[in-house]
């Protein structure tokens, strides 16, 4: 094989890997109804759906745990804010703790 052929093969493999990742993300999203993009923003209801725990348990107990990811900070100009979380941090938390 020539260097050009190897370079083209590497580019093709890289493109295929990106396509597979995109397809897997879309498949997971359609199965759960959740956006599994690590930068997606989830509410406690999304977390409950992902984890299988009740919304009440998530809201009253889990999000208050010391090792649970902190909500993202937004400047909304209001005193009260909805607790919102990055999906990637939540997925990593559950993977690390084997909670779902």
C-alpha atoms as a PDB file:
ATOM      1  CA  UNK A   1       0.000   0.000   0.000  1.00  0.00           C
ATOM      2  CA  UNK A   2       1.153   3.472  -0.741  1.00  0.00           C
ATOM      3  CA  UNK A   3       1.228   6.289   1.774  1.00  0.00           C
ATOM      4  CA  UNK A   4      -1.649   7.974  -0.081  1.00  0.00           C
ATOM      5  CA  UNK A   5      -3.816   4.855   0.157  1.00  0.00           C
ATOM      6  CA  UNK A   6      -3.084   4.517   3.871  1.00  0.00           C
ATOM      7  CA  UNK A   7      -3.959   8.166   4.439  1.00  0.00           C
ATOM      8  CA  UNK A   8      -7.239   7.760   2.544  1.00  0.00           C
ATOM      9  CA  UNK A   9      -8.015   4.594   4.497  1.00  0.00           C
ATOM     10  CA  UNK A  10      -7.378   6.395   7.801  1.00  0.00           C
ATOM     11  CA  UNK A  11      -9.689   9.245   6.768  1.00  0.00           C
ATOM     12  CA  UNK A  12     -12.400   6.769   5.781  1.00  0.00           C
ATOM     13  CA  UNK A  13     -12.114   4.933   9.104  1.00  0.00           C
ATOM     14  CA  UNK A  14     -12.322   8.239  10.981  1.00  0.00           C
ATOM     15  CA  UNK A  15     -15.453   9.243   9.026  1.00  0.00           C
ATOM     16  CA  UNK A  16     -17.053   5.865   9.687  1.00  0.00           C
ATOM     17  CA  UNK A  17     -16.310   6.130  13.406  1.00  0.00           C
ATOM     18  CA  UNK A  18     -18.042   9.526  13.518  1.00  0.00           C
ATOM     19  CA  UNK A  19     -21.045   8.135  11.658  1.00  0.00           C
ATOM     20  CA  UNK A  20     -21.312   5.141  13.994  1.00  0.00           C
ATOM     21  CA  UNK A  21     -21.130   7.427  17.051  1.00  0.00           C
ATOM     22  CA  UNK A  22     -23.865   9.639  15.599  1.00  0.00           C
ATOM     23  CA  UNK A  23     -26.079   6.651  14.803  1.00  0.00           C
ATOM     24  CA  UNK A  24     -25.588   5.180  18.277  1.00  0.00           C
ATOM     25  CA  UNK A  25     -26.472   8.514  19.846  1.00  0.00           C
ATOM     26  CA  UNK A  26     -29.623   8.807  17.735  1.00  0.00           C
ATOM     27  CA  UNK A  27     -30.602   5.204  18.503  1.00  0.00           C
ATOM     28  CA  UNK A  28     -30.217   5.761  22.237  1.00  0.00           C
ATOM     29  CA  UNK A  29     -32.114   9.030  22.030  1.00  0.00           C
ATOM     30  CA  UNK A  30     -35.018   7.400  20.209  1.00  0.00           C
ATOM     31  CA  UNK A  31     -35.123   4.530  22.704  1.00  0.00           C
ATOM     32  CA  UNK A  32     -35.112   6.653  25.847  1.00  0.00           C
ATOM     33  CA  UNK A  33     -36.392   9.953  24.523  1.00  0.00           C
ATOM     34  CA  UNK A  34     -33.341  11.619  26.076  1.00  0.00           C
ATOM     35  CA  UNK A  35     -30.614  13.546  24.355  1.00  0.00           C
ATOM     36  CA  UNK A  36     -27.493  11.569  25.270  1.00  0.00           C
ATOM     37  CA  UNK A  37     -25.130  14.281  24.041  1.00  0.00           C
ATOM     38  CA  UNK A  38     -22.772  14.988  26.970  1.00  0.00           C
ATOM     39  CA  UNK A  39     -23.442  18.729  26.562  1.00  0.00           C
ATOM     40  CA  UNK A  40     -27.228  18.285  26.699  1.00  0.00           C
ATOM     41  CA  UNK A  41     -29.006  19.902  29.623  1.00  0.00           C
ATOM     42  CA  UNK A  42     -31.128  17.636  31.815  1.00  0.00           C
ATOM     43  CA  UNK A  43     -33.669  18.400  34.512  1.00  0.00           C
ATOM     44  CA  UNK A  44     -34.280  16.129  37.512  1.00  0.00           C
ATOM     45  CA  UNK A  45     -37.126  14.558  35.495  1.00  0.00           C
ATOM     46  CA  UNK A  46     -34.656  13.612  32.746  1.00  0.00           C
ATOM     47  CA  UNK A  47     -32.357  12.148  35.395  1.00  0.00           C
ATOM     48  CA  UNK A  48     -35.243  10.105  36.802  1.00  0.00           C
ATOM     49  CA  UNK A  49     -36.075   8.784  33.345  1.00  0.00           C
ATOM     50  CA  UNK A  50     -32.447   7.889  32.659  1.00  0.00           C
ATOM     51  CA  UNK A  51     -31.813   6.255  36.024  1.00  0.00           C
ATOM     52  CA  UNK A  52     -35.130   4.524  36.547  1.00  0.00           C
ATOM     53  CA  UNK A  53     -35.478   6.122  39.991  1.00  0.00           C
ATOM     54  CA  UNK A  54     -38.579   8.093  40.873  1.00  0.00           C
ATOM     55  CA  UNK A  55     -38.611  11.832  40.362  1.00  0.00           C
ATOM     56  CA  UNK A  56     -39.249  12.297  44.085  1.00  0.00           C
ATOM     57  CA  UNK A  57     -36.185  10.258  45.015  1.00  0.00           C
ATOM     58  CA  UNK A  58     -34.024  12.231  42.587  1.00  0.00           C
ATOM     59  CA  UNK A  59     -35.350  15.604  43.760  1.00  0.00           C
ATOM     60  CA  UNK A  60     -35.428  14.912  47.497  1.00  0.00           C
ATOM     61  CA  UNK A  61     -32.401  12.692  47.996  1.00  0.00           C
ATOM     62  CA  UNK A  62     -30.020  12.006  45.150  1.00  0.00           C
ATOM     63  CA  UNK A  63     -29.335  15.558  43.950  1.00  0.00           C
ATOM     64  CA  UNK A  64     -28.533  16.497  47.556  1.00  0.00           C
ATOM     65  CA  UNK A  65     -25.859  13.794  47.879  1.00  0.00           C
ATOM     66  CA  UNK A  66     -22.350  15.157  48.384  1.00  0.00           C
ATOM     67  CA  UNK A  67     -20.906  13.288  45.391  1.00  0.00           C
ATOM     68  CA  UNK A  68     -23.727  14.152  42.970  1.00  0.00           C
ATOM     69  CA  UNK A  69     -22.781  16.598  40.172  1.00  0.00           C
ATOM     70  CA  UNK A  70     -23.577  20.213  40.921  1.00  0.00           C
ATOM     71  CA  UNK A  71     -26.210  21.990  38.813  1.00  0.00           C
ATOM     72  CA  UNK A  72     -24.999  24.295  36.081  1.00  0.00           C
ATOM     73  CA  UNK A  73     -24.930  27.979  36.947  1.00  0.00           C
ATOM     74  CA  UNK A  74     -26.908  30.337  34.744  1.00  0.00           C
ATOM     75  CA  UNK A  75     -27.393  34.063  34.986  1.00  0.00           C
ATOM     76  CA  UNK A  76     -31.159  34.415  34.650  1.00  0.00           C
ATOM     77  CA  UNK A  77     -31.648  37.488  36.803  1.00  0.00           C
ATOM     78  CA  UNK A  78     -34.026  35.655  39.132  1.00  0.00           C
ATOM     79  CA  UNK A  79     -33.463  34.461  42.672  1.00  0.00           C
ATOM     80  CA  UNK A  80     -34.887  30.990  42.047  1.00  0.00           C
ATOM     81  CA  UNK A  81     -33.535  28.834  39.286  1.00  0.00           C
ATOM     82  CA  UNK A  82     -34.426  25.420  37.990  1.00  0.00           C
ATOM     83  CA  UNK A  83     -31.768  22.866  38.724  1.00  0.00           C
ATOM     84  CA  UNK A  84     -30.241  21.854  35.424  1.00  0.00           C
ATOM     85  CA  UNK A  85     -27.420  19.399  34.871  1.00  0.00           C
ATOM     86  CA  UNK A  86     -25.067  18.400  32.060  1.00  0.00           C
ATOM     87  CA  UNK A  87     -26.043  14.986  30.731  1.00  0.00           C
ATOM     88  CA  UNK A  88     -22.424  13.868  30.446  1.00  0.00           C
ATOM     89  CA  UNK A  89     -21.805  14.484  34.148  1.00  0.00           C
ATOM     90  CA  UNK A  90     -24.960  12.597  35.105  1.00  0.00           C
ATOM     91  CA  UNK A  91     -24.168   9.643  32.840  1.00  0.00           C
ATOM     92  CA  UNK A  92     -20.633   9.548  34.243  1.00  0.00           C
ATOM     93  CA  UNK A  93     -21.988   9.667  37.815  1.00  0.00           C
ATOM     94  CA  UNK A  94     -24.252   6.685  37.254  1.00  0.00           C
ATOM     95  CA  UNK A  95     -21.540   4.760  35.394  1.00  0.00           C
ATOM     96  CA  UNK A  96     -19.072   5.402  38.187  1.00  0.00           C
ATOM     97  CA  UNK A  97     -21.517   4.463  40.939  1.00  0.00           C
ATOM     98  CA  UNK A  98     -23.371   1.699  39.063  1.00  0.00           C
ATOM     99  CA  UNK A  99     -26.670   3.177  40.181  1.00  0.00           C
ATOM    100  CA  UNK A 100     -28.759   2.297  37.151  1.00  0.00           C
END
